[in-house]
Structures are given as C-alpha cells and as structure tokens.
PDB file of N, CA and C in Angstrom:
ATOM      1  N   MET A   1     -11.960  -9.241  19.603  1.00  0.00           N
ATOM      2  CA  MET A   1     -10.741  -9.629  20.299  1.00  0.00           C
ATOM      3  C   MET A   1      -9.698 -10.155  19.318  1.00  0.00           C
ATOM      4  N   ILE A   2     -10.109 -11.023  18.410  1.00  0.00           N
ATOM      5  CA  ILE A   2      -9.145 -11.600  17.469  1.00  0.00           C
ATOM      6  C   ILE A   2      -8.594 -10.518  16.538  1.00  0.00           C
ATOM      7  N   ARG A   3      -9.431  -9.588  16.111  1.00  0.00           N
ATOM      8  CA  ARG A   3      -8.957  -8.511  15.233  1.00  0.00           C
ATOM      9  C   ARG A   3      -7.942  -7.638  15.955  1.00  0.00           C
ATOM     10  N   LEU A   4      -8.192  -7.357  17.219  1.00  0.00           N
ATOM     11  CA  LEU A   4      -7.281  -6.552  18.019  1.00  0.00           C
ATOM     12  C   LEU A   4      -5.949  -7.270  18.185  1.00  0.00           C
ATOM     13  N   ALA A   5      -5.993  -8.561  18.423  1.00  0.00           N
ATOM     14  CA  ALA A   5      -4.768  -9.342  18.580  1.00  0.00           C
ATOM     15  C   ALA A   5      -3.975  -9.383  17.277  1.00  0.00           C
ATOM     16  N   ILE A   6      -4.664  -9.545  16.162  1.00  0.00           N
ATOM     17  CA  ILE A   6      -3.983  -9.564  14.860  1.00  0.00           C
ATOM     18  C   ILE A   6      -3.314  -8.221  14.614  1.00  0.00           C
ATOM     19  N   ALA A   7      -4.023  -7.143  14.901  1.00  0.00           N
ATOM     20  CA  ALA A   7      -3.445  -5.814  14.715  1.00  0.00           C
ATOM     21  C   ALA A   7      -2.202  -5.642  15.578  1.00  0.00           C
ATOM     22  N   ALA A   8      -2.256  -6.097  16.814  1.00  0.00           N
ATOM     23  CA  ALA A   8      -1.108  -5.990  17.713  1.00  0.00           C
ATOM     24  C   ALA A   8       0.078  -6.789  17.191  1.00  0.00           C
ATOM     25  N   ILE A   9      -0.191  -7.950  16.664  1.00  0.00           N
ATOM     26  CA  ILE A   9       0.887  -8.799  16.141  1.00  0.00           C
ATOM     27  C   ILE A   9       1.505  -8.182  14.904  1.00  0.00           C
ATOM     28  N   LEU A  10       0.660  -7.668  14.026  1.00  0.00           N
ATOM     29  CA  LEU A  10       1.176  -7.049  12.808  1.00  0.00           C
ATOM     30  C   LEU A  10       2.025  -5.823  13.133  1.00  0.00           C
ATOM     31  N   LEU A  11       1.637  -5.076  14.156  1.00  0.00           N
ATOM     32  CA  LEU A  11       2.403  -3.901  14.551  1.00  0.00           C
ATOM     33  C   LEU A  11       3.688  -4.294  15.280  1.00  0.00           C
ATOM     34  N   ALA A  12       3.659  -5.385  16.029  1.00  0.00           N
ATOM     35  CA  ALA A  12       4.820  -5.812  16.808  1.00  0.00           C
ATOM     36  C   ALA A  12       5.862  -6.530  15.952  1.00  0.00           C
ATOM     37  N   ALA A  13       5.408  -7.198  14.902  1.00  0.00           N
ATOM     38  CA  ALA A  13       6.324  -7.973  14.062  1.00  0.00           C
ATOM     39  C   ALA A  13       7.177  -7.032  13.216  1.00  0.00           C
ATOM     40  N   PRO A  14       8.439  -7.349  13.064  1.00  0.00           N
ATOM     41  CA  PRO A  14       9.274  -6.516  12.206  1.00  0.00           C
ATOM     42  C   PRO A  14       8.796  -6.598  10.761  1.00  0.00           C
ATOM     43  N   VAL A  15       8.924  -5.501  10.057  1.00  0.00           N
ATOM     44  CA  VAL A  15       8.484  -5.462   8.664  1.00  0.00           C
ATOM     45  C   VAL A  15       9.425  -6.333   7.841  1.00  0.00           C
ATOM     46  N   GLN A  16       8.841  -7.264   7.124  1.00  0.00           N
ATOM     47  CA  GLN A  16       9.627  -8.155   6.277  1.00  0.00           C
ATOM     48  C   GLN A  16       9.075  -8.046   4.863  1.00  0.00           C
ATOM     49  N   ALA A  17       9.833  -7.397   4.001  1.00  0.00           N
ATOM     50  CA  ALA A  17       9.368  -7.158   2.639  1.00  0.00           C
ATOM     51  C   ALA A  17       9.124  -8.458   1.884  1.00  0.00           C
ATOM     52  N   GLU A  18       9.843  -9.513   2.245  1.00  0.00           N
ATOM     53  CA  GLU A  18       9.719 -10.773   1.508  1.00  0.00           C
ATOM     54  C   GLU A  18       8.519 -11.608   1.931  1.00  0.00           C
ATOM     55  N   VAL A  19       7.797 -11.190   2.977  1.00  0.00           N
ATOM     56  CA  VAL A  19       6.646 -11.946   3.459  1.00  0.00           C
ATOM     57  C   VAL A  19       5.364 -11.219   3.068  1.00  0.00           C
ATOM     58  N   SER A  20       4.547 -11.885   2.271  1.00  0.00           N
ATOM     59  CA  SER A  20       3.278 -11.299   1.853  1.00  0.00           C
ATOM     60  C   SER A  20       2.266 -11.395   2.993  1.00  0.00           C
ATOM     61  N   LYS A  21       1.144 -10.703   2.828  1.00  0.00           N
ATOM     62  CA  LYS A  21       0.096 -10.767   3.845  1.00  0.00           C
ATOM     63  C   LYS A  21      -0.386 -12.205   4.002  1.00  0.00           C
ATOM     64  N   ALA A  22      -0.573 -12.914   2.896  1.00  0.00           N
ATOM     65  CA  ALA A  22      -1.039 -14.303   2.951  1.00  0.00           C
ATOM     66  C   ALA A  22      -0.039 -15.178   3.704  1.00  0.00           C
ATOM     67  N   GLU A  23       1.257 -14.968   3.463  1.00  0.00           N
ATOM     68  CA  GLU A  23       2.284 -15.735   4.172  1.00  0.00           C
ATOM     69  C   GLU A  23       2.286 -15.394   5.658  1.00  0.00           C
ATOM     70  N   SER A  24       2.160 -14.113   5.970  1.00  0.00           N
ATOM     71  CA  SER A  24       2.129 -13.688   7.362  1.00  0.00           C
ATOM     72  C   SER A  24       0.941 -14.315   8.087  1.00  0.00           C
ATOM     73  N   CYS A  25      -0.215 -14.300   7.449  1.00  0.00           N
ATOM     74  CA  CYS A  25      -1.404 -14.904   8.059  1.00  0.00           C
ATOM     75  C   CYS A  25      -1.214 -16.406   8.247  1.00  0.00           C
ATOM     76  N   LEU A  26      -0.564 -17.050   7.282  1.00  0.00           N
ATOM     77  CA  LEU A  26      -0.287 -18.483   7.389  1.00  0.00           C
ATOM     78  C   LEU A  26       0.634 -18.769   8.575  1.00  0.00           C
ATOM     79  N   TYR A  27       1.695 -17.974   8.721  1.00  0.00           N
ATOM     80  CA  TYR A  27       2.604 -18.164   9.851  1.00  0.00           C
ATOM     81  C   TYR A  27       1.874 -17.939  11.174  1.00  0.00           C
ATOM     82  N   GLN A  28       1.041 -16.904  11.232  1.00  0.00           N
ATOM     83  CA  GLN A  28       0.272 -16.648  12.446  1.00  0.00           C
ATOM     84  C   GLN A  28      -0.654 -17.823  12.749  1.00  0.00           C
ATOM     85  N   ALA A  29      -1.278 -18.373  11.710  1.00  0.00           N
ATOM     86  CA  ALA A  29      -2.163 -19.528  11.894  1.00  0.00           C
ATOM     87  C   ALA A  29      -1.378 -20.729  12.408  1.00  0.00           C
ATOM     88  N   GLN A  30      -0.146 -20.894  11.948  1.00  0.00           N
ATOM     89  CA  GLN A  30       0.690 -21.979  12.447  1.00  0.00           C
ATOM     90  C   GLN A  30       1.013 -21.780  13.926  1.00  0.00           C
ATOM     91  N   VAL A  31       1.234 -20.540  14.319  1.00  0.00           N
ATOM     92  CA  VAL A  31       1.469 -20.230  15.732  1.00  0.00           C
ATOM     93  C   VAL A  31       0.230 -20.596  16.546  1.00  0.00           C
ATOM     94  N   VAL A  32      -0.946 -20.219  16.040  1.00  0.00           N
ATOM     95  CA  VAL A  32      -2.198 -20.542  16.731  1.00  0.00           C
ATOM     96  C   VAL A  32      -2.352 -22.056  16.869  1.00  0.00           C
ATOM     97  N   ALA A  33      -2.059 -22.789  15.809  1.00  0.00           N
ATOM     98  CA  ALA A  33      -2.167 -24.253  15.861  1.00  0.00           C
ATOM     99  C   ALA A  33      -1.225 -24.835  16.910  1.00  0.00           C
ATOM    100  N   ALA A  34      -0.024 -24.294  17.008  1.00  0.00           N
ATOM    101  CA  ALA A  34       0.938 -24.781  18.009  1.00  0.00           C
ATOM    102  C   ALA A  34       0.450 -24.477  19.426  1.00  0.00           C
ATOM    103  N   ILE A  35      -0.128 -23.303  19.611  1.00  0.00           N
ATOM    104  CA  ILE A  35      -0.659 -22.945  20.928  1.00  0.00           C
ATOM    105  C   ILE A  35      -1.848 -23.837  21.264  1.00  0.00           C
ATOM    106  N   GLN A  36      -2.695 -24.088  20.263  1.00  0.00           N
ATOM    107  CA  GLN A  36      -3.849 -24.967  20.477  1.00  0.00           C
ATOM    108  C   GLN A  36      -3.374 -26.365  20.872  1.00  0.00           C
ATOM    109  N   LYS A  37      -2.352 -26.866  20.211  1.00  0.00           N
ATOM    110  CA  LYS A  37      -1.821 -28.191  20.551  1.00  0.00           C
ATOM    111  C   LYS A  37      -1.268 -28.184  21.972  1.00  0.00           C
ATOM    112  N   ALA A  38      -0.575 -27.125  22.340  1.00  0.00           N
ATOM    113  CA  ALA A  38      -0.046 -27.023  23.705  1.00  0.00           C
ATOM    114  C   ALA A  38      -1.184 -27.052  24.725  1.00  0.00           C
ATOM    115  N   ARG A  39      -2.255 -26.352  24.417  1.00  0.00           N
ATOM    116  CA  ARG A  39      -3.409 -26.349  25.341  1.00  0.00           C
ATOM    117  C   ARG A  39      -3.998 -27.749  25.447  1.00  0.00           C
ATOM    118  N   LEU A  40      -4.130 -28.427  24.305  1.00  0.00           N
ATOM    119  CA  LEU A  40      -4.664 -29.790  24.314  1.00  0.00           C
ATOM    120  C   LEU A  40      -3.740 -30.746  25.065  1.00  0.00           C
ATOM    121  N   ASP A  41      -2.447 -30.457  25.033  1.00  0.00           N
ATOM    122  CA  ASP A  41      -1.458 -31.265  25.759  1.00  0.00           C
ATOM    123  C   ASP A  41      -1.342 -30.848  27.226  1.00  0.00           C
ATOM    124  N   ARG A  42      -2.206 -29.914  27.643  1.00  0.00           N
ATOM    125  CA  ARG A  42      -2.286 -29.428  29.021  1.00  0.00           C
ATOM    126  C   ARG A  42      -1.020 -28.712  29.494  1.00  0.00           C
ATOM    127  N   VAL A  43      -0.374 -28.015  28.568  1.00  0.00           N
ATOM    128  CA  VAL A  43       0.766 -27.177  28.930  1.00  0.00           C
ATOM    129  C   VAL A  43       0.205 -25.926  29.605  1.00  0.00           C
ATOM    130  N   LYS A  44       0.803 -25.498  30.694  1.00  0.00           N
ATOM    131  CA  LYS A  44       0.365 -24.280  31.368  1.00  0.00           C
ATOM    132  C   LYS A  44       0.651 -23.084  30.459  1.00  0.00           C
ATOM    133  N   GLU A  45      -0.250 -22.111  30.508  1.00  0.00           N
ATOM    134  CA  GLU A  45      -0.126 -20.955  29.610  1.00  0.00           C
ATOM    135  C   GLU A  45       1.241 -20.287  29.711  1.00  0.00           C
ATOM    136  N   ARG A  46       1.755 -20.144  30.908  1.00  0.00           N
ATOM    137  CA  ARG A  46       3.052 -19.469  31.079  1.00  0.00           C
ATOM    138  C   ARG A  46       4.207 -20.274  30.474  1.00  0.00           C
ATOM    139  N   ASP A  47       4.003 -21.578  30.261  1.00  0.00           N
ATOM    140  CA  ASP A  47       5.049 -22.443  29.725  1.00  0.00           C
ATOM    141  C   ASP A  47       4.955 -22.643  28.214  1.00  0.00           C
ATOM    142  N   VAL A  48       3.951 -22.044  27.596  1.00  0.00           N
ATOM    143  CA  VAL A  48       3.714 -22.263  26.162  1.00  0.00           C
ATOM    144  C   VAL A  48       4.900 -21.846  25.293  1.00  0.00           C
ATOM    145  N   PRO A  49       5.489 -20.652  25.469  1.00  0.00           N
ATOM    146  CA  PRO A  49       6.613 -20.295  24.588  1.00  0.00           C
ATOM    147  C   PRO A  49       7.749 -21.323  24.618  1.00  0.00           C
ATOM    148  N   ALA A  50       8.106 -21.793  25.801  1.00  0.00           N
ATOM    149  CA  ALA A  50       9.191 -22.779  25.922  1.00  0.00           C
ATOM    150  C   ALA A  50       8.786 -24.118  25.310  1.00  0.00           C
ATOM    151  N   ALA A  51       7.540 -24.519  25.530  1.00  0.00           N
ATOM    152  CA  ALA A  51       7.068 -25.795  24.980  1.00  0.00           C
ATOM    153  C   ALA A  51       7.075 -25.766  23.456  1.00  0.00           C
ATOM    154  N   ILE A  52       6.662 -24.651  22.888  1.00  0.00           N
ATOM    155  CA  ILE A  52       6.653 -24.536  21.424  1.00  0.00           C
ATOM    156  C   ILE A  52       8.077 -24.478  20.891  1.00  0.00           C
ATOM    157  N   ALA A  53       8.957 -23.774  21.576  1.00  0.00           N
ATOM    158  CA  ALA A  53      10.359 -23.684  21.133  1.00  0.00           C
ATOM    159  C   ALA A  53      10.999 -25.060  21.033  1.00  0.00           C
ATOM    160  N   LYS A  54      10.616 -25.971  21.936  1.00  0.00           N
ATOM    161  CA  LYS A  54      11.168 -27.334  21.911  1.00  0.00           C
ATOM    162  C   LYS A  54      10.753 -28.119  20.674  1.00  0.00           C
ATOM    163  N   THR A  55       9.683 -27.678  20.000  1.00  0.00           N
ATOM    164  CA  THR A  55       9.199 -28.393  18.815  1.00  0.00           C
ATOM    165  C   THR A  55       9.910 -27.952  17.533  1.00  0.00           C
ATOM    166  N   SER A  56      10.806 -26.985  17.646  1.00  0.00           N
ATOM    167  CA  SER A  56      11.531 -26.442  16.491  1.00  0.00           C
ATOM    168  C   SER A  56      10.569 -26.024  15.371  1.00  0.00           C
ATOM    169  N   PRO A  57       9.738 -25.004  15.618  1.00  0.00           N
ATOM    170  CA  PRO A  57       8.760 -24.589  14.617  1.00  0.00           C
ATOM    171  C   PRO A  57       9.436 -24.085  13.345  1.00  0.00           C
ATOM    172  N   THR A  58       8.724 -24.192  12.235  1.00  0.00           N
ATOM    173  CA  THR A  58       9.299 -23.842  10.938  1.00  0.00           C
ATOM    174  C   THR A  58       8.997 -22.413  10.496  1.00  0.00           C
ATOM    175  N   TRP A  59       8.168 -21.692  11.252  1.00  0.00           N
ATOM    176  CA  TRP A  59       7.892 -20.308  10.861  1.00  0.00           C
ATOM    177  C   TRP A  59       9.110 -19.444  11.180  1.00  0.00           C
ATOM    178  N   PRO A  60       9.191 -18.244  10.550  1.00  0.00           N
ATOM    179  CA  PRO A  60      10.314 -17.350  10.849  1.00  0.00           C
ATOM    180  C   PRO A  60      10.370 -17.017  12.340  1.00  0.00           C
ATOM    181  N   GLU A  61      11.558 -16.898  12.858  1.00  0.00           N
ATOM    182  CA  GLU A  61      11.761 -16.700  14.292  1.00  0.00           C
ATOM    183  C   GLU A  61      11.025 -15.475  14.835  1.00  0.00           C
ATOM    184  N   SER A  62      10.853 -14.462  14.010  1.00  0.00           N
ATOM    185  CA  SER A  62      10.181 -13.241  14.474  1.00  0.00           C
ATOM    186  C   SER A  62       8.736 -13.505  14.910  1.00  0.00           C
ATOM    187  N   TYR A  63       8.132 -14.578  14.421  1.00  0.00           N
ATOM    188  CA  TYR A  63       6.747 -14.898  14.794  1.00  0.00           C
ATOM    189  C   TYR A  63       6.654 -15.501  16.195  1.00  0.00           C
ATOM    190  N   ASN A  64       7.783 -15.874  16.776  1.00  0.00           N
ATOM    191  CA  ASN A  64       7.767 -16.366  18.162  1.00  0.00           C
ATOM    192  C   ASN A  64       7.297 -15.276  19.120  1.00  0.00           C
ATOM    193  N   ALA A  65       7.517 -14.019  18.747  1.00  0.00           N
ATOM    194  CA  ALA A  65       7.081 -12.903  19.589  1.00  0.00           C
ATOM    195  C   ALA A  65       5.555 -12.854  19.696  1.00  0.00           C
ATOM    196  N   ALA A  66       4.864 -13.479  18.760  1.00  0.00           N
ATOM    197  CA  ALA A  66       3.394 -13.480  18.771  1.00  0.00           C
ATOM    198  C   ALA A  66       2.826 -14.490  19.769  1.00  0.00           C
ATOM    199  N   ILE A  67       3.617 -15.440  20.183  1.00  0.00           N
ATOM    200  CA  ILE A  67       3.111 -16.507  21.067  1.00  0.00           C
ATOM    201  C   ILE A  67       2.486 -15.944  22.345  1.00  0.00           C
ATOM    202  N   PRO A  68       3.171 -15.066  23.079  1.00  0.00           N
ATOM    203  CA  PRO A  68       2.541 -14.536  24.299  1.00  0.00           C
ATOM    204  C   PRO A  68       1.330 -13.652  24.016  1.00  0.00           C
ATOM    205  N   LEU A  69       1.235 -13.103  22.811  1.00  0.00           N
ATOM    206  CA  LEU A  69       0.093 -12.266  22.444  1.00  0.00           C
ATOM    207  C   LEU A  69      -1.132 -13.100  22.075  1.00  0.00           C
ATOM    208  N   ILE A  70      -0.897 -14.266  21.471  1.00  0.00           N
ATOM    209  CA  ILE A  70      -2.001 -15.110  21.005  1.00  0.00           C
ATOM    210  C   ILE A  70      -2.441 -16.118  22.063  1.00  0.00           C
ATOM    211  N   ALA A  71      -1.524 -16.566  22.895  1.00  0.00           N
ATOM    212  CA  ALA A  71      -1.845 -17.605  23.882  1.00  0.00           C
ATOM    213  C   ALA A  71      -3.074 -17.274  24.733  1.00  0.00           C
ATOM    214  N   PRO A  72      -3.233 -16.050  25.230  1.00  0.00           N
ATOM    215  CA  PRO A  72      -4.429 -15.768  26.029  1.00  0.00           C
ATOM    216  C   PRO A  72      -5.731 -15.973  25.247  1.00  0.00           C
ATOM    217  N   TRP A  73      -5.701 -15.682  23.959  1.00  0.00           N
ATOM    218  CA  TRP A  73      -6.891 -15.869  23.122  1.00  0.00           C
ATOM    219  C   TRP A  73      -7.285 -17.348  23.082  1.00  0.00           C
ATOM    220  N   VAL A  74      -6.310 -18.231  22.993  1.00  0.00           N
ATOM    221  CA  VAL A  74      -6.585 -19.671  22.963  1.00  0.00           C
ATOM    222  C   VAL A  74      -6.968 -20.168  24.360  1.00  0.00           C
ATOM    223  N   TYR A  75      -6.242 -19.732  25.371  1.00  0.00           N
ATOM    224  CA  TYR A  75      -6.449 -20.243  26.727  1.00  0.00           C
ATOM    225  C   TYR A  75      -7.733 -19.738  27.381  1.00  0.00           C
ATOM    226  N   GLU A  76      -8.307 -18.664  26.880  1.00  0.00           N
ATOM    227  CA  GLU A  76      -9.570 -18.182  27.457  1.00  0.00           C
ATOM    228  C   GLU A  76     -10.770 -18.990  26.973  1.00  0.00           C
ATOM    229  N   LYS A  77     -10.595 -19.764  25.933  1.00  0.00           N
ATOM    230  CA  LYS A  77     -11.691 -20.563  25.381  1.00  0.00           C
ATOM    231  C   LYS A  77     -11.921 -21.820  26.220  1.00  0.00           C
ATOM    232  N   LYS A  78     -13.163 -22.246  26.241  1.00  0.00           N
ATOM    233  CA  LYS A  78     -13.485 -23.498  26.930  1.00  0.00           C
ATOM    234  C   LYS A  78     -12.781 -24.637  26.205  1.00  0.00           C
ATOM    235  N   MET A  79     -12.401 -25.657  26.965  1.00  0.00           N
ATOM    236  CA  MET A  79     -11.657 -26.774  26.399  1.00  0.00           C
ATOM    237  C   MET A  79     -12.427 -27.458  25.270  1.00  0.00           C
ATOM    238  N   ARG A  80     -13.746 -27.552  25.371  1.00  0.00           N
ATOM    239  CA  ARG A  80     -14.504 -28.207  24.299  1.00  0.00           C
ATOM    240  C   ARG A  80     -14.399 -27.429  22.986  1.00  0.00           C
ATOM    241  N   VAL A  81     -14.282 -26.105  23.075  1.00  0.00           N
ATOM    242  CA  VAL A  81     -14.089 -25.275  21.879  1.00  0.00           C
ATOM    243  C   VAL A  81     -12.712 -25.547  21.296  1.00  0.00           C
ATOM    244  N   VAL A  82     -11.710 -25.633  22.151  1.00  0.00           N
ATOM    245  CA  VAL A  82     -10.345 -25.901  21.701  1.00  0.00           C
ATOM    246  C   VAL A  82     -10.254 -27.292  21.071  1.00  0.00           C
ATOM    247  N   ARG A  83     -10.950 -28.267  21.672  1.00  0.00           N
ATOM    248  CA  ARG A  83     -10.926 -29.637  21.144  1.00  0.00           C
ATOM    249  C   ARG A  83     -11.659 -29.772  19.815  1.00  0.00           C
ATOM    250  N   ASN A  84     -12.762 -29.054  19.656  1.00  0.00           N
ATOM    251  CA  ASN A  84     -13.671 -29.303  18.532  1.00  0.00           C
ATOM    252  C   ASN A  84     -13.583 -28.307  17.392  1.00  0.00           C
ATOM    253  N   ASN A  85     -12.682 -27.344  17.460  1.00  0.00           N
ATOM    254  CA  ASN A  85     -12.599 -26.325  16.415  1.00  0.00           C
ATOM    255  C   ASN A  85     -11.167 -26.144  15.945  1.00  0.00           C
ATOM    256  N   ASP A  86     -11.044 -25.771  14.699  1.00  0.00           N
ATOM    257  CA  ASP A  86      -9.731 -25.463  14.121  1.00  0.00           C
ATOM    258  C   ASP A  86      -9.495 -23.969  14.313  1.00  0.00           C
ATOM    259  N   LEU A  87      -8.862 -23.602  15.410  1.00  0.00           N
ATOM    260  CA  LEU A  87      -8.646 -22.203  15.724  1.00  0.00           C
ATOM    261  C   LEU A  87      -7.694 -21.543  14.740  1.00  0.00           C
ATOM    262  N   SER A  88      -6.765 -22.304  14.195  1.00  0.00           N
ATOM    263  CA  SER A  88      -5.826 -21.728  13.236  1.00  0.00           C
ATOM    264  C   SER A  88      -6.534 -21.308  11.949  1.00  0.00           C
ATOM    265  N   GLU A  89      -7.498 -22.083  11.527  1.00  0.00           N
ATOM    266  CA  GLU A  89      -8.258 -21.728  10.319  1.00  0.00           C
ATOM    267  C   GLU A  89      -9.081 -20.476  10.566  1.00  0.00           C
ATOM    268  N   ALA A  90      -9.697 -20.387  11.736  1.00  0.00           N
ATOM    269  CA  ALA A  90     -10.473 -19.192  12.086  1.00  0.00           C
ATOM    270  C   ALA A  90      -9.562 -17.965  12.099  1.00  0.00           C
ATOM    271  N   TRP A  91      -8.381 -18.110  12.707  1.00  0.00           N
ATOM    272  CA  TRP A  91      -7.427 -17.007  12.763  1.00  0.00           C
ATOM    273  C   TRP A  91      -7.022 -16.591  11.355  1.00  0.00           C
ATOM    274  N   ASN A  92      -6.701 -17.563  10.508  1.00  0.00           N
ATOM    275  CA  ASN A  92      -6.263 -17.272   9.144  1.00  0.00           C
ATOM    276  C   ASN A  92      -7.347 -16.510   8.373  1.00  0.00           C
ATOM    277  N   GLU A  93      -8.577 -16.926   8.493  1.00  0.00           N
ATOM    278  CA  GLU A  93      -9.676 -16.252   7.792  1.00  0.00           C
ATOM    279  C   GLU A  93      -9.811 -14.799   8.217  1.00  0.00           C
ATOM    280  N   VAL A  94      -9.778 -14.553   9.516  1.00  0.00           N
ATOM    281  CA  VAL A  94      -9.905 -13.176  10.010  1.00  0.00           C
ATOM    282  C   VAL A  94      -8.680 -12.360   9.611  1.00  0.00           C
ATOM    283  N   CYS A  95      -7.518 -12.955   9.696  1.00  0.00           N
ATOM    284  CA  CYS A  95      -6.274 -12.261   9.326  1.00  0.00           C
ATOM    285  C   CYS A  95      -6.332 -11.829   7.860  1.00  0.00           C
ATOM    286  N   LEU A  96      -6.724 -12.732   6.975  1.00  0.00           N
ATOM    287  CA  LEU A  96      -6.791 -12.409   5.556  1.00  0.00           C
ATOM    288  C   LEU A  96      -7.833 -11.348   5.258  1.00  0.00           C
ATOM    289  N   ALA A  97      -8.886 -11.319   6.061  1.00  0.00           N
ATOM    290  CA  ALA A  97      -9.960 -10.336   5.848  1.00  0.00           C
ATOM    291  C   ALA A  97      -9.562  -8.942   6.308  1.00  0.00           C
ATOM    292  N   ASN A  98      -8.551  -8.834   7.168  1.00  0.00           N
ATOM    293  CA  ASN A  98      -8.120  -7.515   7.679  1.00  0.00           C
ATOM    294  C   ASN A  98      -7.135  -6.859   6.767  1.00  0.00           C
TER     295      ASN A  98
END
C-alpha cells in the first residue's frame, strides 16, 4: 500500500529538476508527519488539508497535493499505531528504497 501511494504521489507531483529524490522523500515524510499530528489532534480526515494549511508548512506548495493521497494511509491505522510509531520515518525509508 505504501509503495503504491508513493508511486502515485511521484507521478502526480510536477517534475522539479531542483528537487532530488532524497529531498522529495523528505518533503513527503514531512507531509506524513503533519497528517499524523492531525490524526493525533483528532482532526477529521476530510478536514486534514485545511488543518495542515493553517500551520503554514515549509515544504514546497506542490506537495500539498499529496495530502489527500496520504491521509487515508495514516487514518486507516489503529490509533495506538499512530501514537507509538514514527510514520514519517517509515515513509521516508520506503520512499528512498523505491
């Protein structure tokens, strides 16, 4: 599931010559961390993009398009998994491996 989501995000994101694969994976991991925080803050899944936008994220704006693609991956997990695991690190590792 995570590999499929990463592939979808990479295909959906505009090609940016100045962003390396490592940077792209880092930005994606930051998106995952923001979604994880929203889940921990009990934000409803449909409200996640707006909630994250209010935090003025530092990643390039084009990565905001990944929020609706990644949110289901975070929200399908049991809350104890979301509380006890660093989902952004897991995402980054898989992203770099692809």
